[in-house]
Structures are given as C-alpha cells and as structure tokens.
C-alpha cells in the first residue's frame, strides 16, 4: 500500500492540462495503484493523477462500492443537469453546490491498454466529470457561477491550509518523455 501526498489548491500542476498516456507499462500500473491507495485512504470517491503531481490523463474512482480507473477518458455528457454538493481532496474540508451533467459515457482505456466504456449517472457521473476536469487543469470551483465562485474563494482564503507550501514532495513516478 503506497499512500502519496495530495497536491493542494494553488499547486500549478492542478492548473496544467495533463498529457495523454501512450505507454501502458509497469509504471502506469504503479500509478493506478498509488492513486487507488491514496483515494481509499483519504477517503474520496475519485482522484486524478495531477493531484499526486503526475501530469498524465489517469484517474481512479470508488462510487457505490465500485472501484475502477480510466486512462485517457473522452466524455459524452447528457444535456440534462444536476446540481449537488461537490468537494475535492485538493481543497480539504470545503464543498459547494456545483452544476454537472446528470449522466456520462466515458470511453478510454484500462491500465493494460484495453478499451473500456464507463456509463454512469448521478454521483458516478459527477465523479467522472470532476476527475476529467482535473486532467484538463480545471478545478470544480471553476464551474460555479461568478457569485458562488467569489464566495468559494473567500472560504479558500480562510482555510487553514491556504498559503502553505503547496509542493508537498516530488512524485515517485517517472515523468520522462516515454510517458508523454
């Protein structure tokens, strides 16, 4: 079991679009394992690779006792919307009502490079959208209307963790060109 530190709001890696995974190897499987272990320990319902300081398009999820991961997700979102409470392990202790599509179809790959399709609604759809946003350098508060975003930023600035050193430690995962 390898628990990694989670990057906190303010860390530039959280605002950087992640690179597509092109090599499905032992290092990718280790990254998925570390994401899963860290997410379960937190606990959370999802965790994206940038939250561990690894700028690759990979996330894990644990919703309704179903544990999984998606590499290089491409989403097809429903037009119907939901608004619900959403939090983030990179913004500890904070949550805000956030609009999302009600359902999603995510196409991508598993850690072995095999194609997968994940279909979900409600919380699973919210989780998949949230984690895919992380892969695009988007944090869920970016989805709030201007007034709610202003209130969220006020809460963030008041949080005990705000302004602390956001680079906790370097990732143990190789970020060399073979991953890009």
N, C-alpha and C. Protein backbone atom coordinates (compact mmCIF):
# COMPACT_ATOMS: atom_id res chain seq x y z
N UNK A 1 0.86 -1.18 0.00
CA UNK A 1 0.00 0.00 0.00
C UNK A 1 0.89 1.23 0.00
N UNK A 2 0.73 2.09 -1.01
CA UNK A 2 1.54 3.30 -1.10
C UNK A 2 0.64 4.52 -1.13
N UNK A 3 0.59 5.23 -0.02
CA UNK A 3 -0.19 6.46 0.10
C UNK A 3 0.72 7.61 -0.28
N UNK A 4 0.27 8.44 -1.20
CA UNK A 4 1.05 9.59 -1.65
C UNK A 4 0.40 10.87 -1.13
N UNK A 5 1.19 11.95 -0.96
CA UNK A 5 0.62 13.24 -0.59
C UNK A 5 -0.22 13.80 -1.73
N UNK A 6 -1.32 14.43 -1.37
CA UNK A 6 -2.23 15.03 -2.36
C UNK A 6 -1.90 16.50 -2.50
N UNK A 7 -1.75 16.94 -3.74
CA UNK A 7 -1.45 18.34 -4.03
C UNK A 7 -2.65 19.19 -3.67
N UNK A 8 -2.38 20.37 -3.11
CA UNK A 8 -3.41 21.27 -2.61
C UNK A 8 -3.61 22.45 -3.57
N UNK A 9 -4.82 22.98 -3.58
CA UNK A 9 -5.17 24.15 -4.38
C UNK A 9 -4.05 25.19 -4.30
N UNK A 10 -3.63 25.67 -5.44
CA UNK A 10 -2.52 26.62 -5.53
C UNK A 10 -1.31 25.99 -6.19
N UNK A 11 -1.23 24.65 -6.17
CA UNK A 11 -0.13 23.95 -6.84
C UNK A 11 -0.34 24.06 -8.35
N UNK A 12 0.64 24.53 -9.11
CA UNK A 12 0.47 24.72 -10.55
C UNK A 12 0.09 23.45 -11.33
N UNK A 13 0.47 22.28 -10.84
CA UNK A 13 0.14 21.05 -11.55
C UNK A 13 -1.38 20.86 -11.67
N UNK A 14 -2.12 21.42 -10.73
CA UNK A 14 -3.59 21.29 -10.76
C UNK A 14 -4.22 22.15 -11.86
N UNK A 15 -3.48 23.11 -12.39
CA UNK A 15 -3.98 24.01 -13.43
C UNK A 15 -3.37 23.70 -14.81
N UNK A 16 -2.60 22.63 -14.88
CA UNK A 16 -1.91 22.27 -16.12
C UNK A 16 -2.61 21.09 -16.79
N UNK A 17 -3.04 21.23 -18.05
CA UNK A 17 -3.63 20.06 -18.74
C UNK A 17 -2.64 18.90 -18.77
N UNK A 18 -3.14 17.72 -18.47
CA UNK A 18 -2.30 16.52 -18.39
C UNK A 18 -2.06 15.93 -19.78
N UNK A 19 -0.95 15.25 -19.91
CA UNK A 19 -0.56 14.61 -21.17
C UNK A 19 -1.28 13.26 -21.32
N UNK A 20 -1.56 12.92 -22.54
CA UNK A 20 -2.17 11.63 -22.85
C UNK A 20 -1.17 10.51 -22.54
N UNK A 21 -1.66 9.42 -22.01
CA UNK A 21 -0.83 8.25 -21.76
C UNK A 21 -0.67 7.50 -23.08
N UNK A 22 0.57 7.21 -23.43
CA UNK A 22 0.84 6.45 -24.66
C UNK A 22 1.56 5.14 -24.38
N UNK A 23 2.10 4.99 -23.17
CA UNK A 23 2.79 3.76 -22.79
C UNK A 23 2.05 3.14 -21.61
N UNK A 24 1.59 1.93 -21.81
CA UNK A 24 0.86 1.19 -20.78
C UNK A 24 1.80 0.14 -20.21
N UNK A 25 2.50 0.52 -19.15
CA UNK A 25 3.56 -0.33 -18.62
C UNK A 25 3.46 -0.47 -17.11
N UNK A 26 4.49 -1.03 -16.53
CA UNK A 26 4.54 -1.26 -15.08
C UNK A 26 4.40 0.06 -14.30
N UNK A 27 5.00 1.12 -14.81
CA UNK A 27 4.93 2.41 -14.12
C UNK A 27 3.49 2.95 -14.11
N UNK A 28 2.77 2.75 -15.19
CA UNK A 28 1.37 3.18 -15.22
C UNK A 28 0.55 2.36 -14.22
N UNK A 29 0.78 1.06 -14.16
CA UNK A 29 0.07 0.22 -13.20
C UNK A 29 0.39 0.64 -11.76
N UNK A 30 1.63 1.04 -11.49
CA UNK A 30 2.02 1.53 -10.17
C UNK A 30 1.31 2.85 -9.86
N UNK A 31 1.20 3.72 -10.86
CA UNK A 31 0.48 4.98 -10.67
C UNK A 31 -0.98 4.72 -10.34
N UNK A 32 -1.64 3.82 -11.06
CA UNK A 32 -3.04 3.49 -10.77
C UNK A 32 -3.16 2.92 -9.36
N UNK A 33 -2.22 2.08 -8.96
CA UNK A 33 -2.23 1.52 -7.60
C UNK A 33 -2.08 2.62 -6.55
N UNK A 34 -1.13 3.54 -6.78
CA UNK A 34 -0.93 4.64 -5.83
C UNK A 34 -2.16 5.55 -5.77
N UNK A 35 -2.77 5.84 -6.92
CA UNK A 35 -3.99 6.65 -6.94
C UNK A 35 -5.09 5.97 -6.13
N UNK A 36 -5.25 4.68 -6.35
CA UNK A 36 -6.29 3.93 -5.65
C UNK A 36 -6.04 3.91 -4.15
N UNK A 37 -4.82 3.57 -3.74
CA UNK A 37 -4.49 3.52 -2.31
C UNK A 37 -4.68 4.87 -1.64
N UNK A 38 -4.24 5.94 -2.31
CA UNK A 38 -4.35 7.28 -1.74
C UNK A 38 -5.81 7.72 -1.65
N UNK A 39 -6.58 7.44 -2.69
CA UNK A 39 -8.01 7.79 -2.71
C UNK A 39 -8.75 7.06 -1.59
N UNK A 40 -8.49 5.77 -1.43
CA UNK A 40 -9.18 4.99 -0.41
C UNK A 40 -8.79 5.45 0.99
N UNK A 41 -7.54 5.84 1.17
CA UNK A 41 -7.06 6.27 2.47
C UNK A 41 -7.63 7.65 2.85
N UNK A 42 -7.88 8.50 1.86
CA UNK A 42 -8.25 9.90 2.12
C UNK A 42 -9.48 10.07 3.02
N UNK A 43 -10.60 9.44 2.91
CA UNK A 43 -11.10 8.73 1.73
C UNK A 43 -11.77 9.70 0.77
N UNK A 44 -11.85 9.27 -0.48
CA UNK A 44 -12.51 10.07 -1.51
C UNK A 44 -13.23 9.16 -2.47
N UNK A 45 -14.00 9.75 -3.38
CA UNK A 45 -14.69 8.97 -4.40
C UNK A 45 -13.96 9.02 -5.74
N UNK A 46 -12.92 9.84 -5.82
CA UNK A 46 -12.13 9.92 -7.04
C UNK A 46 -10.82 10.62 -6.78
N UNK A 47 -9.83 10.34 -7.63
CA UNK A 47 -8.54 11.00 -7.53
C UNK A 47 -7.87 10.95 -8.90
N UNK A 48 -7.38 12.10 -9.35
CA UNK A 48 -6.73 12.20 -10.66
C UNK A 48 -5.22 12.30 -10.48
N UNK A 49 -4.48 11.81 -11.47
CA UNK A 49 -3.02 11.79 -11.40
C UNK A 49 -2.41 13.16 -11.08
N UNK A 50 -2.91 14.28 -11.65
CA UNK A 50 -2.31 15.57 -11.28
C UNK A 50 -2.38 15.87 -9.79
N UNK A 51 -3.36 15.29 -9.09
CA UNK A 51 -3.45 15.52 -7.65
C UNK A 51 -2.31 14.86 -6.88
N UNK A 52 -1.59 13.95 -7.55
CA UNK A 52 -0.37 13.36 -6.98
C UNK A 52 0.87 13.97 -7.62
N UNK A 53 0.68 15.01 -8.43
CA UNK A 53 1.81 15.67 -9.06
C UNK A 53 2.26 15.02 -10.35
N UNK A 54 1.45 14.12 -10.90
CA UNK A 54 1.79 13.43 -12.14
C UNK A 54 0.85 13.93 -13.24
N UNK A 55 1.39 14.60 -14.21
CA UNK A 55 0.58 15.24 -15.25
C UNK A 55 0.27 14.26 -16.39
N UNK A 56 -0.52 13.24 -16.06
CA UNK A 56 -0.96 12.24 -17.04
C UNK A 56 -2.47 12.07 -16.92
N UNK A 57 -3.12 11.68 -18.02
CA UNK A 57 -4.57 11.57 -18.10
C UNK A 57 -5.04 10.22 -17.54
N UNK A 58 -5.07 10.14 -16.21
CA UNK A 58 -5.47 8.92 -15.49
C UNK A 58 -6.23 9.35 -14.25
N UNK A 59 -7.34 8.66 -13.95
CA UNK A 59 -7.99 8.86 -12.66
C UNK A 59 -8.57 7.56 -12.16
N UNK A 60 -8.79 7.51 -10.84
CA UNK A 60 -9.45 6.38 -10.20
C UNK A 60 -10.75 6.86 -9.60
N UNK A 61 -11.66 5.92 -9.35
CA UNK A 61 -12.93 6.27 -8.71
C UNK A 61 -13.40 5.11 -7.85
N UNK A 62 -14.21 5.47 -6.86
CA UNK A 62 -14.81 4.50 -5.95
C UNK A 62 -16.19 5.02 -5.60
N UNK A 63 -17.19 4.55 -6.32
CA UNK A 63 -18.56 5.03 -6.16
C UNK A 63 -19.48 3.83 -6.02
N UNK A 64 -20.34 3.87 -5.00
CA UNK A 64 -21.30 2.79 -4.75
C UNK A 64 -20.60 1.43 -4.69
N UNK A 65 -19.47 1.39 -3.98
CA UNK A 65 -18.66 0.18 -3.81
C UNK A 65 -18.10 -0.38 -5.11
N UNK A 66 -18.06 0.44 -6.15
CA UNK A 66 -17.45 0.02 -7.40
C UNK A 66 -16.15 0.79 -7.57
N UNK A 67 -15.05 0.07 -7.64
CA UNK A 67 -13.71 0.65 -7.74
C UNK A 67 -13.21 0.48 -9.17
N UNK A 68 -12.67 1.56 -9.74
CA UNK A 68 -12.16 1.47 -11.10
C UNK A 68 -11.23 2.62 -11.43
N UNK A 69 -10.79 2.64 -12.67
CA UNK A 69 -9.92 3.69 -13.17
C UNK A 69 -10.16 3.86 -14.66
N UNK A 70 -9.79 5.03 -15.17
CA UNK A 70 -9.89 5.31 -16.60
C UNK A 70 -8.63 6.04 -17.02
N UNK A 71 -8.07 5.61 -18.14
CA UNK A 71 -6.90 6.24 -18.74
C UNK A 71 -7.36 6.91 -20.03
N UNK A 72 -6.94 8.14 -20.25
CA UNK A 72 -7.28 8.91 -21.45
C UNK A 72 -8.79 9.00 -21.71
N UNK A 73 -9.56 9.45 -20.71
CA UNK A 73 -11.01 9.49 -20.88
C UNK A 73 -11.47 10.52 -21.91
N UNK A 74 -12.50 10.14 -22.64
CA UNK A 74 -13.24 11.05 -23.52
C UNK A 74 -14.69 10.92 -23.09
N UNK A 75 -15.32 12.07 -22.80
CA UNK A 75 -16.66 12.04 -22.23
C UNK A 75 -17.73 12.46 -23.23
N UNK A 76 -18.87 11.79 -23.13
CA UNK A 76 -20.10 12.18 -23.82
C UNK A 76 -21.09 12.49 -22.71
N UNK A 77 -21.46 13.77 -22.58
CA UNK A 77 -22.30 14.22 -21.47
C UNK A 77 -23.75 14.38 -21.89
N UNK A 78 -24.66 14.08 -20.97
CA UNK A 78 -26.08 14.29 -21.22
C UNK A 78 -26.39 15.78 -21.16
N UNK A 79 -27.50 16.17 -21.78
CA UNK A 79 -27.93 17.56 -21.73
C UNK A 79 -28.61 17.88 -20.41
N UNK A 80 -29.24 16.86 -19.78
CA UNK A 80 -29.92 17.12 -18.51
C UNK A 80 -28.88 17.36 -17.42
N UNK A 81 -29.21 18.27 -16.51
CA UNK A 81 -28.27 18.74 -15.50
C UNK A 81 -28.68 18.34 -14.09
N UNK A 82 -27.70 18.30 -13.21
CA UNK A 82 -27.91 18.13 -11.78
C UNK A 82 -27.08 19.19 -11.07
N UNK A 83 -27.55 19.60 -9.92
CA UNK A 83 -26.77 20.48 -9.06
C UNK A 83 -26.66 19.77 -7.73
N UNK A 84 -25.44 19.62 -7.24
CA UNK A 84 -25.25 18.91 -5.99
C UNK A 84 -23.95 19.29 -5.33
N UNK A 85 -23.85 18.91 -4.07
CA UNK A 85 -22.66 19.21 -3.28
C UNK A 85 -21.45 18.48 -3.87
N UNK A 86 -20.37 19.22 -3.98
CA UNK A 86 -19.15 18.65 -4.53
C UNK A 86 -17.97 19.16 -3.72
N UNK A 87 -17.06 18.27 -3.42
CA UNK A 87 -15.84 18.63 -2.72
C UNK A 87 -14.65 18.11 -3.49
N UNK A 88 -13.47 18.33 -2.95
CA UNK A 88 -12.26 17.91 -3.66
C UNK A 88 -11.16 17.67 -2.64
N UNK A 89 -10.42 16.60 -2.81
CA UNK A 89 -9.33 16.29 -1.90
C UNK A 89 -8.22 17.34 -1.98
N UNK A 90 -8.19 18.13 -3.04
CA UNK A 90 -7.21 19.21 -3.18
C UNK A 90 -7.70 20.52 -2.57
N UNK A 91 -8.93 20.54 -2.10
CA UNK A 91 -9.49 21.67 -1.34
C UNK A 91 -10.09 21.10 -0.06
N UNK A 92 -9.25 20.64 0.86
CA UNK A 92 -9.72 19.88 2.02
C UNK A 92 -10.75 20.64 2.86
N UNK A 93 -11.82 19.91 3.18
CA UNK A 93 -12.84 20.43 4.09
C UNK A 93 -13.85 21.36 3.46
N UNK A 94 -13.75 21.65 2.18
CA UNK A 94 -14.66 22.58 1.54
C UNK A 94 -15.55 21.86 0.53
N UNK A 95 -16.79 22.30 0.41
CA UNK A 95 -17.69 21.76 -0.61
C UNK A 95 -18.67 22.85 -1.02
N UNK A 96 -19.12 22.77 -2.27
CA UNK A 96 -20.02 23.77 -2.83
C UNK A 96 -20.97 23.09 -3.81
N UNK A 97 -22.19 23.59 -3.90
CA UNK A 97 -23.13 23.09 -4.89
C UNK A 97 -22.60 23.43 -6.28
N UNK A 98 -22.49 22.39 -7.11
CA UNK A 98 -21.84 22.53 -8.41
C UNK A 98 -22.71 21.89 -9.49
N UNK A 99 -22.92 22.60 -10.60
CA UNK A 99 -23.70 22.02 -11.70
C UNK A 99 -22.87 21.01 -12.50
N UNK A 100 -23.51 19.92 -12.87
CA UNK A 100 -22.88 18.88 -13.70
C UNK A 100 -23.95 18.25 -14.58
N UNK A 101 -23.53 17.55 -15.60
CA UNK A 101 -24.46 16.75 -16.40
C UNK A 101 -24.93 15.59 -15.54
N UNK A 102 -26.17 15.17 -15.77
CA UNK A 102 -26.78 14.11 -14.98
C UNK A 102 -26.17 12.74 -15.29
N UNK A 103 -25.78 12.53 -16.54
CA UNK A 103 -25.20 11.23 -16.89
C UNK A 103 -24.03 11.43 -17.85
N UNK A 104 -23.21 10.37 -17.91
CA UNK A 104 -21.99 10.43 -18.71
C UNK A 104 -21.69 9.06 -19.30
N UNK A 105 -21.09 9.08 -20.47
CA UNK A 105 -20.46 7.90 -21.04
C UNK A 105 -18.99 8.27 -21.22
N UNK A 106 -18.12 7.54 -20.54
CA UNK A 106 -16.68 7.78 -20.62
C UNK A 106 -16.04 6.63 -21.39
N UNK A 107 -15.32 6.98 -22.43
CA UNK A 107 -14.56 5.98 -23.19
C UNK A 107 -13.09 6.24 -22.94
N UNK A 108 -12.34 5.18 -22.79
CA UNK A 108 -10.92 5.29 -22.54
C UNK A 108 -10.29 3.92 -22.52
N UNK A 109 -9.32 3.76 -21.63
CA UNK A 109 -8.58 2.50 -21.55
C UNK A 109 -8.36 2.13 -20.08
N UNK A 110 -8.12 0.86 -19.84
CA UNK A 110 -7.68 0.46 -18.51
C UNK A 110 -6.16 0.53 -18.49
N UNK A 111 -5.55 0.19 -17.36
CA UNK A 111 -4.10 0.32 -17.21
C UNK A 111 -3.31 -0.63 -18.10
N UNK A 112 -3.98 -1.58 -18.75
CA UNK A 112 -3.31 -2.52 -19.64
C UNK A 112 -3.47 -2.12 -21.10
N UNK A 113 -4.13 -0.99 -21.35
CA UNK A 113 -4.32 -0.50 -22.71
C UNK A 113 -5.54 -1.07 -23.41
N UNK A 114 -6.39 -1.78 -22.66
CA UNK A 114 -7.61 -2.34 -23.25
C UNK A 114 -8.72 -1.29 -23.22
N UNK A 115 -9.48 -1.15 -24.31
CA UNK A 115 -10.55 -0.16 -24.35
C UNK A 115 -11.64 -0.47 -23.32
N UNK A 116 -12.16 0.59 -22.70
CA UNK A 116 -13.27 0.44 -21.75
C UNK A 116 -14.30 1.53 -22.01
N UNK A 117 -15.51 1.26 -21.55
CA UNK A 117 -16.58 2.25 -21.59
C UNK A 117 -17.26 2.23 -20.23
N UNK A 118 -17.38 3.39 -19.63
CA UNK A 118 -17.99 3.54 -18.32
C UNK A 118 -19.24 4.40 -18.49
N UNK A 119 -20.39 3.87 -18.08
CA UNK A 119 -21.66 4.59 -18.18
C UNK A 119 -22.15 4.85 -16.77
N UNK A 120 -22.48 6.10 -16.47
CA UNK A 120 -22.91 6.41 -15.12
C UNK A 120 -23.83 7.61 -15.05
N UNK A 121 -24.54 7.69 -13.95
CA UNK A 121 -25.41 8.84 -13.69
C UNK A 121 -25.22 9.25 -12.24
N UNK A 122 -25.85 10.37 -11.88
CA UNK A 122 -25.83 10.88 -10.52
C UNK A 122 -24.39 11.03 -10.00
N UNK A 123 -24.06 10.37 -8.87
CA UNK A 123 -22.74 10.55 -8.25
C UNK A 123 -21.61 10.06 -9.15
N UNK A 124 -21.79 8.93 -9.83
CA UNK A 124 -20.73 8.45 -10.71
C UNK A 124 -20.48 9.45 -11.84
N UNK A 125 -21.54 9.99 -12.41
CA UNK A 125 -21.38 10.99 -13.47
C UNK A 125 -20.65 12.22 -12.93
N UNK A 126 -21.03 12.66 -11.75
CA UNK A 126 -20.38 13.82 -11.12
C UNK A 126 -18.89 13.53 -10.92
N UNK A 127 -18.57 12.36 -10.40
CA UNK A 127 -17.18 11.99 -10.13
C UNK A 127 -16.36 11.95 -11.42
N UNK A 128 -16.88 11.31 -12.45
CA UNK A 128 -16.15 11.19 -13.71
C UNK A 128 -15.89 12.57 -14.32
N UNK A 129 -16.88 13.45 -14.26
CA UNK A 129 -16.70 14.81 -14.78
C UNK A 129 -15.66 15.58 -13.96
N UNK A 130 -15.75 15.46 -12.64
CA UNK A 130 -14.83 16.15 -11.73
C UNK A 130 -13.39 15.71 -11.99
N UNK A 131 -13.17 14.41 -12.08
CA UNK A 131 -11.81 13.90 -12.26
C UNK A 131 -11.28 14.22 -13.66
N UNK A 132 -12.14 14.16 -14.67
CA UNK A 132 -11.70 14.52 -16.02
C UNK A 132 -11.36 16.00 -16.08
N UNK A 133 -12.11 16.83 -15.36
CA UNK A 133 -11.75 18.25 -15.27
C UNK A 133 -10.33 18.41 -14.74
N UNK A 134 -9.96 17.64 -13.70
CA UNK A 134 -8.59 17.72 -13.18
C UNK A 134 -7.58 17.45 -14.29
N UNK A 135 -7.89 16.52 -15.17
CA UNK A 135 -6.97 16.19 -16.26
C UNK A 135 -6.85 17.31 -17.27
N UNK A 136 -7.84 18.21 -17.28
CA UNK A 136 -7.84 19.37 -18.18
C UNK A 136 -7.37 20.65 -17.49
N UNK A 137 -6.91 20.54 -16.24
CA UNK A 137 -6.45 21.71 -15.50
C UNK A 137 -7.58 22.55 -14.93
N UNK A 138 -8.76 21.94 -14.78
CA UNK A 138 -9.94 22.64 -14.27
C UNK A 138 -10.24 22.13 -12.87
N UNK A 139 -10.53 23.06 -11.97
CA UNK A 139 -10.93 22.71 -10.60
C UNK A 139 -12.42 23.01 -10.49
N UNK A 140 -13.14 22.20 -9.72
CA UNK A 140 -14.60 22.29 -9.72
C UNK A 140 -15.15 23.67 -9.41
N UNK A 141 -14.43 24.48 -8.67
CA UNK A 141 -14.93 25.83 -8.39
C UNK A 141 -15.00 26.69 -9.66
N UNK A 142 -14.27 26.28 -10.70
CA UNK A 142 -14.35 26.98 -11.99
C UNK A 142 -15.74 26.82 -12.62
N UNK A 143 -16.49 25.81 -12.19
CA UNK A 143 -17.82 25.52 -12.73
C UNK A 143 -18.92 26.33 -12.04
N UNK A 144 -18.56 27.05 -10.97
CA UNK A 144 -19.55 27.81 -10.21
C UNK A 144 -19.88 29.11 -10.92
N UNK A 145 -21.09 29.65 -10.65
CA UNK A 145 -21.41 30.97 -11.20
C UNK A 145 -20.53 32.00 -10.50
N UNK A 146 -20.39 33.20 -11.07
CA UNK A 146 -19.45 34.18 -10.51
C UNK A 146 -19.66 34.49 -9.02
N UNK A 147 -20.90 34.61 -8.59
CA UNK A 147 -21.15 34.92 -7.18
C UNK A 147 -20.73 33.76 -6.27
N UNK A 148 -21.07 32.54 -6.65
CA UNK A 148 -20.70 31.37 -5.85
C UNK A 148 -19.19 31.17 -5.86
N UNK A 149 -18.56 31.44 -7.01
CA UNK A 149 -17.09 31.30 -7.09
C UNK A 149 -16.42 32.31 -6.16
N UNK A 150 -16.94 33.52 -6.10
CA UNK A 150 -16.38 34.54 -5.21
C UNK A 150 -16.49 34.08 -3.75
N UNK A 151 -17.64 33.52 -3.38
CA UNK A 151 -17.84 33.01 -2.02
C UNK A 151 -16.89 31.84 -1.75
N UNK A 152 -16.70 30.97 -2.75
CA UNK A 152 -15.79 29.83 -2.59
C UNK A 152 -14.36 30.32 -2.38
N UNK A 153 -13.94 31.31 -3.15
CA UNK A 153 -12.58 31.82 -2.99
C UNK A 153 -12.38 32.45 -1.60
N UNK A 154 -13.43 33.08 -1.08
CA UNK A 154 -13.34 33.64 0.27
C UNK A 154 -13.12 32.53 1.29
N UNK A 155 -13.85 31.42 1.13
CA UNK A 155 -13.67 30.28 2.05
C UNK A 155 -12.29 29.64 1.89
N UNK A 156 -11.81 29.57 0.66
CA UNK A 156 -10.48 29.01 0.41
C UNK A 156 -9.41 29.85 1.09
N UNK A 157 -9.50 31.18 0.94
CA UNK A 157 -8.50 32.06 1.56
C UNK A 157 -8.54 31.97 3.09
N UNK A 158 -9.70 31.62 3.65
CA UNK A 158 -9.84 31.50 5.11
C UNK A 158 -9.43 30.11 5.63
N UNK A 159 -9.25 29.16 4.73
CA UNK A 159 -8.91 27.79 5.14
C UNK A 159 -7.52 27.75 5.76
N UNK A 160 -7.35 26.90 6.76
CA UNK A 160 -6.06 26.82 7.47
C UNK A 160 -4.92 26.38 6.56
N UNK A 161 -5.22 25.64 5.51
CA UNK A 161 -4.17 25.15 4.62
C UNK A 161 -3.79 26.16 3.54
N UNK A 162 -4.60 27.19 3.33
CA UNK A 162 -4.35 28.14 2.24
C UNK A 162 -3.04 28.89 2.47
N UNK A 163 -2.23 28.97 1.43
CA UNK A 163 -0.98 29.70 1.50
C UNK A 163 0.20 28.90 2.01
N UNK A 164 -0.07 27.65 2.44
CA UNK A 164 1.04 26.79 2.86
C UNK A 164 1.80 26.33 1.63
N UNK A 165 2.95 25.76 1.88
CA UNK A 165 3.75 25.21 0.79
C UNK A 165 2.93 24.16 0.06
N UNK A 166 2.61 24.45 -1.20
CA UNK A 166 1.72 23.56 -1.94
C UNK A 166 2.46 22.40 -2.61
N UNK A 167 3.75 22.49 -2.78
CA UNK A 167 4.51 21.38 -3.35
C UNK A 167 4.95 20.52 -2.18
N UNK A 168 4.24 19.44 -1.96
CA UNK A 168 4.49 18.61 -0.79
C UNK A 168 5.77 17.80 -0.97
N UNK A 169 5.88 17.11 -2.07
CA UNK A 169 7.11 16.41 -2.41
C UNK A 169 7.00 15.96 -3.86
N UNK A 170 8.11 15.65 -4.46
CA UNK A 170 8.09 15.20 -5.84
C UNK A 170 7.43 13.83 -5.95
N UNK A 171 6.78 13.61 -7.07
CA UNK A 171 6.15 12.33 -7.30
C UNK A 171 7.22 11.25 -7.48
N UNK A 172 6.95 10.04 -6.99
CA UNK A 172 7.88 8.94 -7.22
C UNK A 172 7.75 8.36 -8.62
N UNK A 173 6.78 8.83 -9.39
CA UNK A 173 6.52 8.28 -10.72
C UNK A 173 7.34 9.00 -11.77
N UNK A 174 7.89 8.23 -12.66
CA UNK A 174 8.70 8.75 -13.75
C UNK A 174 7.84 9.62 -14.65
N UNK A 175 8.27 10.85 -14.88
CA UNK A 175 7.55 11.75 -15.77
C UNK A 175 8.38 12.02 -17.01
N UNK A 176 9.17 11.04 -17.42
CA UNK A 176 10.04 11.20 -18.57
C UNK A 176 9.25 11.18 -19.88
N UNK A 177 9.92 11.42 -20.97
CA UNK A 177 9.28 11.53 -22.28
C UNK A 177 8.49 10.28 -22.66
N UNK A 178 8.89 9.12 -22.16
CA UNK A 178 8.17 7.91 -22.54
C UNK A 178 6.72 7.93 -22.06
N UNK A 179 6.42 8.79 -21.06
CA UNK A 179 5.06 8.89 -20.56
C UNK A 179 4.24 9.85 -21.39
N UNK A 180 4.86 10.69 -22.17
CA UNK A 180 4.14 11.75 -22.89
C UNK A 180 3.61 11.32 -24.23
